[in-house]
Amino acid sequence: MALDVMAVVLFAALLHAGWNALVRSSQDTFADTVFMVGGAALWAACLLPLLPLPAPASWPWLGASVLVTSSSTSHWWHSPTAAASWVWPIR
């Protein structure tokens, strides 16, 4: 594996571990999750104009990914029984 690829993967793992540690140590996990996702969205909105558009053939897949992720996240957060808490055990 190339050194630069390994560095990016390890950096992503570090970010993920930091995200989990911050959210799990919080008193209000929902608010902290919203702030972190909002911060990531802000960074993405700033960097997105610098990148080329994806190939048109990938747009249906991107749309499906957004739809599935949004609906499943919304369901898990609003589930009264938290049936999927084993997936995101931060409640």
PDB file of N, CA and C in Angstrom:
ATOM      1  N   MET A   1       0.848  -1.178   0.000  1.00  0.00           N
ATOM      2  CA  MET A   1       0.000   0.000   0.000  1.00  0.00           C
ATOM      3  C   MET A   1       0.893   1.241   0.000  1.00  0.00           C
ATOM      4  N   ALA A   2       0.510   2.220  -0.785  1.00  0.00           N
ATOM      5  CA  ALA A   2       1.288   3.449  -0.873  1.00  0.00           C
ATOM      6  C   ALA A   2       1.231   4.202   0.457  1.00  0.00           C
ATOM      7  N   LEU A   3       2.306   4.889   0.771  1.00  0.00           N
ATOM      8  CA  LEU A   3       2.404   5.604   2.040  1.00  0.00           C
ATOM      9  C   LEU A   3       1.357   6.706   2.153  1.00  0.00           C
ATOM     10  N   ASP A   4       1.082   7.413   1.069  1.00  0.00           N
ATOM     11  CA  ASP A   4       0.086   8.481   1.144  1.00  0.00           C
ATOM     12  C   ASP A   4      -1.320   7.935   1.373  1.00  0.00           C
ATOM     13  N   VAL A   5      -1.627   6.787   0.777  1.00  0.00           N
ATOM     14  CA  VAL A   5      -2.937   6.161   0.994  1.00  0.00           C
ATOM     15  C   VAL A   5      -3.059   5.707   2.450  1.00  0.00           C
ATOM     16  N   MET A   6      -2.004   5.112   2.972  1.00  0.00           N
ATOM     17  CA  MET A   6      -2.020   4.672   4.358  1.00  0.00           C
ATOM     18  C   MET A   6      -2.186   5.858   5.306  1.00  0.00           C
ATOM     19  N   ALA A   7      -1.537   6.967   5.017  1.00  0.00           N
ATOM     20  CA  ALA A   7      -1.662   8.155   5.856  1.00  0.00           C
ATOM     21  C   ALA A   7      -3.087   8.690   5.849  1.00  0.00           C
ATOM     22  N   VAL A   8      -3.725   8.703   4.690  1.00  0.00           N
ATOM     23  CA  VAL A   8      -5.112   9.177   4.606  1.00  0.00           C
ATOM     24  C   VAL A   8      -6.039   8.251   5.377  1.00  0.00           C
ATOM     25  N   VAL A   9      -5.850   6.949   5.258  1.00  0.00           N
ATOM     26  CA  VAL A   9      -6.693   5.988   5.972  1.00  0.00           C
ATOM     27  C   VAL A   9      -6.505   6.129   7.483  1.00  0.00           C
ATOM     28  N   LEU A  10      -5.276   6.274   7.934  1.00  0.00           N
ATOM     29  CA  LEU A  10      -5.025   6.446   9.364  1.00  0.00           C
ATOM     30  C   LEU A  10      -5.582   7.776   9.880  1.00  0.00           C
ATOM     31  N   PHE A  11      -5.503   8.821   9.079  1.00  0.00           N
ATOM     32  CA  PHE A  11      -6.079  10.107   9.466  1.00  0.00           C
ATOM     33  C   PHE A  11      -7.600  10.002   9.577  1.00  0.00           C
ATOM     34  N   ALA A  12      -8.231   9.293   8.653  1.00  0.00           N
ATOM     35  CA  ALA A  12      -9.679   9.081   8.712  1.00  0.00           C
ATOM     36  C   ALA A  12     -10.060   8.292   9.968  1.00  0.00           C
ATOM     37  N   ALA A  13      -9.258   7.294  10.313  1.00  0.00           N
ATOM     38  CA  ALA A  13      -9.517   6.524  11.534  1.00  0.00           C
ATOM     39  C   ALA A  13      -9.383   7.409  12.775  1.00  0.00           C
ATOM     40  N   LEU A  14      -8.402   8.288  12.776  1.00  0.00           N
ATOM     41  CA  LEU A  14      -8.219   9.211  13.894  1.00  0.00           C
ATOM     42  C   LEU A  14      -9.405  10.169  14.014  1.00  0.00           C
ATOM     43  N   LEU A  15      -9.872  10.692  12.902  1.00  0.00           N
ATOM     44  CA  LEU A  15     -11.039  11.566  12.925  1.00  0.00           C
ATOM     45  C   LEU A  15     -12.268  10.820  13.441  1.00  0.00           C
ATOM     46  N   HIS A  16     -12.447   9.593  12.999  1.00  0.00           N
ATOM     47  CA  HIS A  16     -13.592   8.801  13.429  1.00  0.00           C
ATOM     48  C   HIS A  16     -13.533   8.524  14.935  1.00  0.00           C
ATOM     49  N   ALA A  17     -12.364   8.170  15.436  1.00  0.00           N
ATOM     50  CA  ALA A  17     -12.204   7.919  16.865  1.00  0.00           C
ATOM     51  C   ALA A  17     -12.448   9.192  17.672  1.00  0.00           C
ATOM     52  N   GLY A  18     -11.968  10.317  17.169  1.00  0.00           N
ATOM     53  CA  GLY A  18     -12.211  11.590  17.851  1.00  0.00           C
ATOM     54  C   GLY A  18     -13.678  11.951  17.885  1.00  0.00           C
ATOM     55  N   TRP A  19     -14.368  11.728  16.768  1.00  0.00           N
ATOM     56  CA  TRP A  19     -15.813  11.980  16.685  1.00  0.00           C
ATOM     57  C   TRP A  19     -16.539  11.150  17.744  1.00  0.00           C
ATOM     58  N   ASN A  20     -16.241   9.862  17.786  1.00  0.00           N
ATOM     59  CA  ASN A  20     -16.908   8.985  18.755  1.00  0.00           C
ATOM     60  C   ASN A  20     -16.598   9.393  20.189  1.00  0.00           C
ATOM     61  N   ALA A  21     -15.362   9.731  20.480  1.00  0.00           N
ATOM     62  CA  ALA A  21     -14.994  10.114  21.843  1.00  0.00           C
ATOM     63  C   ALA A  21     -15.714  11.393  22.266  1.00  0.00           C
ATOM     64  N   LEU A  22     -15.772  12.369  21.382  1.00  0.00           N
ATOM     65  CA  LEU A  22     -16.452  13.622  21.723  1.00  0.00           C
ATOM     66  C   LEU A  22     -17.946  13.426  21.934  1.00  0.00           C
ATOM     67  N   VAL A  23     -18.575  12.678  21.053  1.00  0.00           N
ATOM     68  CA  VAL A  23     -20.022  12.484  21.168  1.00  0.00           C
ATOM     69  C   VAL A  23     -20.368  11.632  22.384  1.00  0.00           C
ATOM     70  N   ARG A  24     -19.610  10.595  22.629  1.00  0.00           N
ATOM     71  CA  ARG A  24     -19.914   9.719  23.759  1.00  0.00           C
ATOM     72  C   ARG A  24     -19.679  10.393  25.107  1.00  0.00           C
ATOM     73  N   SER A  25     -18.763  11.339  25.174  1.00  0.00           N
ATOM     74  CA  SER A  25     -18.486  12.008  26.447  1.00  0.00           C
ATOM     75  C   SER A  25     -19.406  13.199  26.691  1.00  0.00           C
ATOM     76  N   SER A  26     -20.286  13.479  25.766  1.00  0.00           N
ATOM     77  CA  SER A  26     -21.160  14.647  25.859  1.00  0.00           C
ATOM     78  C   SER A  26     -22.398  14.364  26.702  1.00  0.00           C
ATOM     79  N   GLN A  27     -22.933  15.419  27.306  1.00  0.00           N
ATOM     80  CA  GLN A  27     -24.202  15.314  28.022  1.00  0.00           C
ATOM     81  C   GLN A  27     -25.377  15.291  27.046  1.00  0.00           C
ATOM     82  N   ASP A  28     -25.247  16.016  25.945  1.00  0.00           N
ATOM     83  CA  ASP A  28     -26.311  16.089  24.935  1.00  0.00           C
ATOM     84  C   ASP A  28     -25.753  15.567  23.616  1.00  0.00           C
ATOM     85  N   THR A  29     -25.852  14.274  23.409  1.00  0.00           N
ATOM     86  CA  THR A  29     -25.247  13.658  22.230  1.00  0.00           C
ATOM     87  C   THR A  29     -25.910  14.123  20.939  1.00  0.00           C
ATOM     88  N   PHE A  30     -27.218  14.369  20.977  1.00  0.00           N
ATOM     89  CA  PHE A  30     -27.907  14.800  19.768  1.00  0.00           C
ATOM     90  C   PHE A  30     -27.396  16.163  19.317  1.00  0.00           C
ATOM     91  N   ALA A  31     -27.300  17.113  20.243  1.00  0.00           N
ATOM     92  CA  ALA A  31     -26.834  18.462  19.887  1.00  0.00           C
ATOM     93  C   ALA A  31     -25.390  18.417  19.382  1.00  0.00           C
ATOM     94  N   ASP A  32     -24.544  17.654  20.046  1.00  0.00           N
ATOM     95  CA  ASP A  32     -23.153  17.576  19.602  1.00  0.00           C
ATOM     96  C   ASP A  32     -23.034  16.920  18.232  1.00  0.00           C
ATOM     97  N   THR A  33     -23.860  15.913  17.973  1.00  0.00           N
ATOM     98  CA  THR A  33     -23.859  15.285  16.662  1.00  0.00           C
ATOM     99  C   THR A  33     -24.305  16.272  15.596  1.00  0.00           C
ATOM    100  N   VAL A  34     -25.343  17.052  15.900  1.00  0.00           N
ATOM    101  CA  VAL A  34     -25.823  18.061  14.954  1.00  0.00           C
ATOM    102  C   VAL A  34     -24.724  19.089  14.675  1.00  0.00           C
ATOM    103  N   PHE A  35     -24.028  19.532  15.715  1.00  0.00           N
ATOM    104  CA  PHE A  35     -22.946  20.510  15.521  1.00  0.00           C
ATOM    105  C   PHE A  35     -21.810  19.933  14.694  1.00  0.00           C
ATOM    106  N   MET A  36     -21.448  18.684  14.940  1.00  0.00           N
ATOM    107  CA  MET A  36     -20.354  18.075  14.177  1.00  0.00           C
ATOM    108  C   MET A  36     -20.742  17.855  12.717  1.00  0.00           C
ATOM    109  N   VAL A  37     -21.958  17.386  12.486  1.00  0.00           N
ATOM    110  CA  VAL A  37     -22.410  17.186  11.112  1.00  0.00           C
ATOM    111  C   VAL A  37     -22.535  18.530  10.404  1.00  0.00           C
ATOM    112  N   GLY A  38     -23.021  19.541  11.137  1.00  0.00           N
ATOM    113  CA  GLY A  38     -23.111  20.881  10.558  1.00  0.00           C
ATOM    114  C   GLY A  38     -21.743  21.440  10.207  1.00  0.00           C
ATOM    115  N   GLY A  39     -20.753  21.213  11.064  1.00  0.00           N
ATOM    116  CA  GLY A  39     -19.393  21.659  10.769  1.00  0.00           C
ATOM    117  C   GLY A  39     -18.814  20.953   9.557  1.00  0.00           C
ATOM    118  N   ALA A  40     -19.069  19.650   9.465  1.00  0.00           N
ATOM    119  CA  ALA A  40     -18.602  18.900   8.296  1.00  0.00           C
ATOM    120  C   ALA A  40     -19.292  19.392   7.027  1.00  0.00           C
ATOM    121  N   ALA A  41     -20.578  19.697   7.134  1.00  0.00           N
ATOM    122  CA  ALA A  41     -21.315  20.211   5.970  1.00  0.00           C
ATOM    123  C   ALA A  41     -20.780  21.575   5.547  1.00  0.00           C
ATOM    124  N   LEU A  42     -20.409  22.391   6.515  1.00  0.00           N
ATOM    125  CA  LEU A  42     -19.839  23.705   6.206  1.00  0.00           C
ATOM    126  C   LEU A  42     -18.506  23.567   5.473  1.00  0.00           C
ATOM    127  N   TRP A  43     -17.650  22.674   5.960  1.00  0.00           N
ATOM    128  CA  TRP A  43     -16.374  22.415   5.272  1.00  0.00           C
ATOM    129  C   TRP A  43     -16.612  21.899   3.859  1.00  0.00           C
ATOM    130  N   ALA A  44     -17.555  20.970   3.734  1.00  0.00           N
ATOM    131  CA  ALA A  44     -17.850  20.404   2.417  1.00  0.00           C
ATOM    132  C   ALA A  44     -18.372  21.474   1.472  1.00  0.00           C
ATOM    133  N   ALA A  45     -19.236  22.362   1.986  1.00  0.00           N
ATOM    134  CA  ALA A  45     -19.781  23.425   1.141  1.00  0.00           C
ATOM    135  C   ALA A  45     -18.681  24.375   0.671  1.00  0.00           C
ATOM    136  N   CYS A  46     -17.670  24.578   1.502  1.00  0.00           N
ATOM    137  CA  CYS A  46     -16.558  25.453   1.111  1.00  0.00           C
ATOM    138  C   CYS A  46     -15.630  24.784   0.093  1.00  0.00           C
ATOM    139  N   LEU A  47     -15.426  23.484   0.234  1.00  0.00           N
ATOM    140  CA  LEU A  47     -14.487  22.779  -0.637  1.00  0.00           C
ATOM    141  C   LEU A  47     -15.124  22.242  -1.914  1.00  0.00           C
ATOM    142  N   LEU A  48     -16.437  22.064  -1.911  1.00  0.00           N
ATOM    143  CA  LEU A  48     -17.115  21.481  -3.056  1.00  0.00           C
ATOM    144  C   LEU A  48     -16.921  22.249  -4.360  1.00  0.00           C
ATOM    145  N   PRO A  49     -16.941  23.589  -4.355  1.00  0.00           N
ATOM    146  CA  PRO A  49     -16.738  24.301  -5.618  1.00  0.00           C
ATOM    147  C   PRO A  49     -15.363  24.076  -6.250  1.00  0.00           C
ATOM    148  N   LEU A  50     -14.421  23.573  -5.478  1.00  0.00           N
ATOM    149  CA  LEU A  50     -13.072  23.346  -5.990  1.00  0.00           C
ATOM    150  C   LEU A  50     -12.933  22.008  -6.710  1.00  0.00           C
ATOM    151  N   LEU A  51     -13.966  21.181  -6.642  1.00  0.00           N
ATOM    152  CA  LEU A  51     -13.908  19.847  -7.224  1.00  0.00           C
ATOM    153  C   LEU A  51     -14.768  19.762  -8.476  1.00  0.00           C
ATOM    154  N   PRO A  52     -14.430  18.853  -9.394  1.00  0.00           N
ATOM    155  CA  PRO A  52     -15.277  18.676 -10.585  1.00  0.00           C
ATOM    156  C   PRO A  52     -16.565  17.938 -10.216  1.00  0.00           C
ATOM    157  N   LEU A  53     -17.589  18.102 -11.043  1.00  0.00           N
ATOM    158  CA  LEU A  53     -18.843  17.386 -10.833  1.00  0.00           C
ATOM    159  C   LEU A  53     -18.625  15.892 -11.053  1.00  0.00           C
ATOM    160  N   PRO A  54     -19.354  15.050 -10.332  1.00  0.00           N
ATOM    161  CA  PRO A  54     -19.242  13.607 -10.583  1.00  0.00           C
ATOM    162  C   PRO A  54     -19.791  13.251 -11.960  1.00  0.00           C
ATOM    163  N   ALA A  55     -19.411  12.118 -12.448  1.00  0.00           N
ATOM    164  CA  ALA A  55     -19.911  11.646 -13.748  1.00  0.00           C
ATOM    165  C   ALA A  55     -21.430  11.491 -13.679  1.00  0.00           C
ATOM    166  N   PRO A  56     -22.123  11.872 -14.722  1.00  0.00           N
ATOM    167  CA  PRO A  56     -23.592  11.769 -14.706  1.00  0.00           C
ATOM    168  C   PRO A  56     -24.111  10.355 -14.409  1.00  0.00           C
ATOM    169  N   ALA A  57     -23.364   9.341 -14.764  1.00  0.00           N
ATOM    170  CA  ALA A  57     -23.801   7.967 -14.493  1.00  0.00           C
ATOM    171  C   ALA A  57     -23.843   7.668 -12.993  1.00  0.00           C
ATOM    172  N   SER A  58     -23.105   8.414 -12.187  1.00  0.00           N
ATOM    173  CA  SER A  58     -23.081   8.157 -10.746  1.00  0.00           C
ATOM    174  C   SER A  58     -24.161   8.923  -9.987  1.00  0.00           C
ATOM    175  N   TRP A  59     -24.857   9.860 -10.612  1.00  0.00           N
ATOM    176  CA  TRP A  59     -25.848  10.684  -9.926  1.00  0.00           C
ATOM    177  C   TRP A  59     -26.984   9.871  -9.316  1.00  0.00           C
ATOM    178  N   PRO A  60     -27.542   8.879 -10.010  1.00  0.00           N
ATOM    179  CA  PRO A  60     -28.594   8.076  -9.352  1.00  0.00           C
ATOM    180  C   PRO A  60     -28.085   7.372  -8.091  1.00  0.00           C
ATOM    181  N   TRP A  61     -26.849   6.909  -8.123  1.00  0.00           N
ATOM    182  CA  TRP A  61     -26.282   6.240  -6.954  1.00  0.00           C
ATOM    183  C   TRP A  61     -26.063   7.228  -5.809  1.00  0.00           C
ATOM    184  N   LEU A  62     -25.612   8.425  -6.135  1.00  0.00           N
ATOM    185  CA  LEU A  62     -25.454   9.452  -5.104  1.00  0.00           C
ATOM    186  C   LEU A  62     -26.798   9.815  -4.487  1.00  0.00           C
ATOM    187  N   GLY A  63     -27.808   9.973  -5.334  1.00  0.00           N
ATOM    188  CA  GLY A  63     -29.148  10.287  -4.830  1.00  0.00           C
ATOM    189  C   GLY A  63     -29.698   9.184  -3.940  1.00  0.00           C
ATOM    190  N   ALA A  64     -29.515   7.938  -4.355  1.00  0.00           N
ATOM    191  CA  ALA A  64     -29.986   6.806  -3.551  1.00  0.00           C
ATOM    192  C   ALA A  64     -29.246   6.747  -2.217  1.00  0.00           C
ATOM    193  N   SER A  65     -27.960   7.025  -2.232  1.00  0.00           N
ATOM    194  CA  SER A  65     -27.176   7.030  -1.005  1.00  0.00           C
ATOM    195  C   SER A  65     -27.660   8.102  -0.038  1.00  0.00           C
ATOM    196  N   VAL A  66     -27.913   9.299  -0.556  1.00  0.00           N
ATOM    197  CA  VAL A  66     -28.431  10.385   0.287  1.00  0.00           C
ATOM    198  C   VAL A  66     -29.798  10.011   0.864  1.00  0.00           C
ATOM    199  N   LEU A  67     -30.665   9.448   0.041  1.00  0.00           N
ATOM    200  CA  LEU A  67     -32.006   9.073   0.485  1.00  0.00           C
ATOM    201  C   LEU A  67     -31.960   7.996   1.578  1.00  0.00           C
ATOM    202  N   VAL A  68     -31.186   6.948   1.348  1.00  0.00           N
ATOM    203  CA  VAL A  68     -31.101   5.864   2.329  1.00  0.00           C
ATOM    204  C   VAL A  68     -30.468   6.358   3.628  1.00  0.00           C
ATOM    205  N   THR A  69     -29.384   7.101   3.541  1.00  0.00           N
ATOM    206  CA  THR A  69     -28.712   7.592   4.739  1.00  0.00           C
ATOM    207  C   THR A  69     -29.611   8.546   5.522  1.00  0.00           C
ATOM    208  N   SER A  70     -30.269   9.459   4.839  1.00  0.00           N
ATOM    209  CA  SER A  70     -31.138  10.424   5.514  1.00  0.00           C
ATOM    210  C   SER A  70     -32.323   9.746   6.184  1.00  0.00           C
ATOM    211  N   SER A  71     -32.958   8.827   5.489  1.00  0.00           N
ATOM    212  CA  SER A  71     -34.134   8.185   6.071  1.00  0.00           C
ATOM    213  C   SER A  71     -33.757   7.263   7.227  1.00  0.00           C
ATOM    214  N   SER A  72     -32.657   6.530   7.096  1.00  0.00           N
ATOM    215  CA  SER A  72     -32.270   5.634   8.183  1.00  0.00           C
ATOM    216  C   SER A  72     -31.797   6.419   9.400  1.00  0.00           C
ATOM    217  N   THR A  73     -31.060   7.491   9.191  1.00  0.00           N
ATOM    218  CA  THR A  73     -30.609   8.317  10.309  1.00  0.00           C
ATOM    219  C   THR A  73     -31.803   8.940  11.015  1.00  0.00           C
ATOM    220  N   SER A  74     -32.740   9.469  10.256  1.00  0.00           N
ATOM    221  CA  SER A  74     -33.930  10.068  10.840  1.00  0.00           C
ATOM    222  C   SER A  74     -34.728   9.037  11.625  1.00  0.00           C
ATOM    223  N   HIS A  75     -34.855   7.837  11.080  1.00  0.00           N
ATOM    224  CA  HIS A  75     -35.596   6.787  11.776  1.00  0.00           C
ATOM    225  C   HIS A  75     -34.913   6.416  13.085  1.00  0.00           C
ATOM    226  N   TRP A  76     -33.592   6.265  13.068  1.00  0.00           N
ATOM    227  CA  TRP A  76     -32.886   5.861  14.282  1.00  0.00           C
ATOM    228  C   TRP A  76     -32.967   6.922  15.370  1.00  0.00           C
ATOM    229  N   TRP A  77     -32.868   8.187  14.979  1.00  0.00           N
ATOM    230  CA  TRP A  77     -32.913   9.236  15.999  1.00  0.00           C
ATOM    231  C   TRP A  77     -34.299   9.395  16.595  1.00  0.00           C
ATOM    232  N   HIS A  78     -35.334   9.126  15.805  1.00  0.00           N
ATOM    233  CA  HIS A  78     -36.697   9.348  16.271  1.00  0.00           C
ATOM    234  C   HIS A  78     -37.401   8.066  16.695  1.00  0.00           C
ATOM    235  N   SER A  79     -36.685   6.975  16.740  1.00  0.00           N
ATOM    236  CA  SER A  79     -37.280   5.709  17.142  1.00  0.00           C
ATOM    237  C   SER A  79     -37.509   5.705  18.648  1.00  0.00           C
ATOM    238  N   PRO A  80     -38.741   5.468  19.093  1.00  0.00           N
ATOM    239  CA  PRO A  80     -38.998   5.477  20.538  1.00  0.00           C
ATOM    240  C   PRO A  80     -38.320   4.322  21.264  1.00  0.00           C
ATOM    241  N   THR A  81     -38.079   3.227  20.578  1.00  0.00           N
ATOM    242  CA  THR A  81     -37.461   2.084  21.241  1.00  0.00           C
ATOM    243  C   THR A  81     -35.969   1.989  20.967  1.00  0.00           C
ATOM    244  N   ALA A  82     -35.482   2.825  20.059  1.00  0.00           N
ATOM    245  CA  ALA A  82     -34.060   2.806  19.675  1.00  0.00           C
ATOM    246  C   ALA A  82     -33.640   1.399  19.276  1.00  0.00           C
ATOM    247  N   ALA A  83     -34.430   0.774  18.411  1.00  0.00           N
ATOM    248  CA  ALA A  83     -34.166  -0.608  18.002  1.00  0.00           C
ATOM    249  C   ALA A  83     -32.822  -0.749  17.315  1.00  0.00           C
ATOM    250  N   ALA A  84     -32.360   0.311  16.684  1.00  0.00           N
ATOM    251  CA  ALA A  84     -31.079   0.227  15.978  1.00  0.00           C
ATOM    252  C   ALA A  84     -29.951   0.843  16.791  1.00  0.00           C
ATOM    253  N   SER A  85     -30.103   0.918  18.113  1.00  0.00           N
ATOM    254  CA  SER A  85     -29.065   1.544  18.922  1.00  0.00           C
ATOM    255  C   SER A  85     -27.752   0.764  18.885  1.00  0.00           C
ATOM    256  N   TRP A  86     -27.794  -0.491  18.474  1.00  0.00           N
ATOM    257  CA  TRP A  86     -26.555  -1.257  18.346  1.00  0.00           C
ATOM    258  C   TRP A  86     -25.732  -0.767  17.171  1.00  0.00           C
ATOM    259  N   VAL A  87     -26.364  -0.064  16.203  1.00  0.00           N
ATOM    260  CA  VAL A  87     -25.633   0.462  15.058  1.00  0.00           C
ATOM    261  C   VAL A  87     -24.918   1.746  15.434  1.00  0.00           C
ATOM    262  N   TRP A  88     -25.648   2.643  16.075  1.00  0.00           N
ATOM    263  CA  TRP A  88     -25.085   3.907  16.558  1.00  0.00           C
ATOM    264  C   TRP A  88     -25.352   3.999  18.045  1.00  0.00           C
ATOM    265  N   PRO A  89     -24.548   3.367  18.862  1.00  0.00           N
ATOM    266  CA  PRO A  89     -24.853   3.304  20.304  1.00  0.00           C
ATOM    267  C   PRO A  89     -24.462   4.582  21.037  1.00  0.00           C
ATOM    268  N   ILE A  90     -24.938   5.730  20.570  1.00  0.00           N
ATOM    269  CA  ILE A  90     -24.569   6.984  21.231  1.00  0.00           C
ATOM    270  C   ILE A  90     -25.747   7.642  21.914  1.00  0.00           C
ATOM    271  N   ARG A  91     -26.892   6.977  21.940  1.00  0.00           N
ATOM    272  CA  ARG A  91     -28.066   7.565  22.593  1.00  0.00           C
ATOM    273  C   ARG A  91     -27.968   7.477  24.074  1.00  0.00           C
TER     274      ARG A  91
END
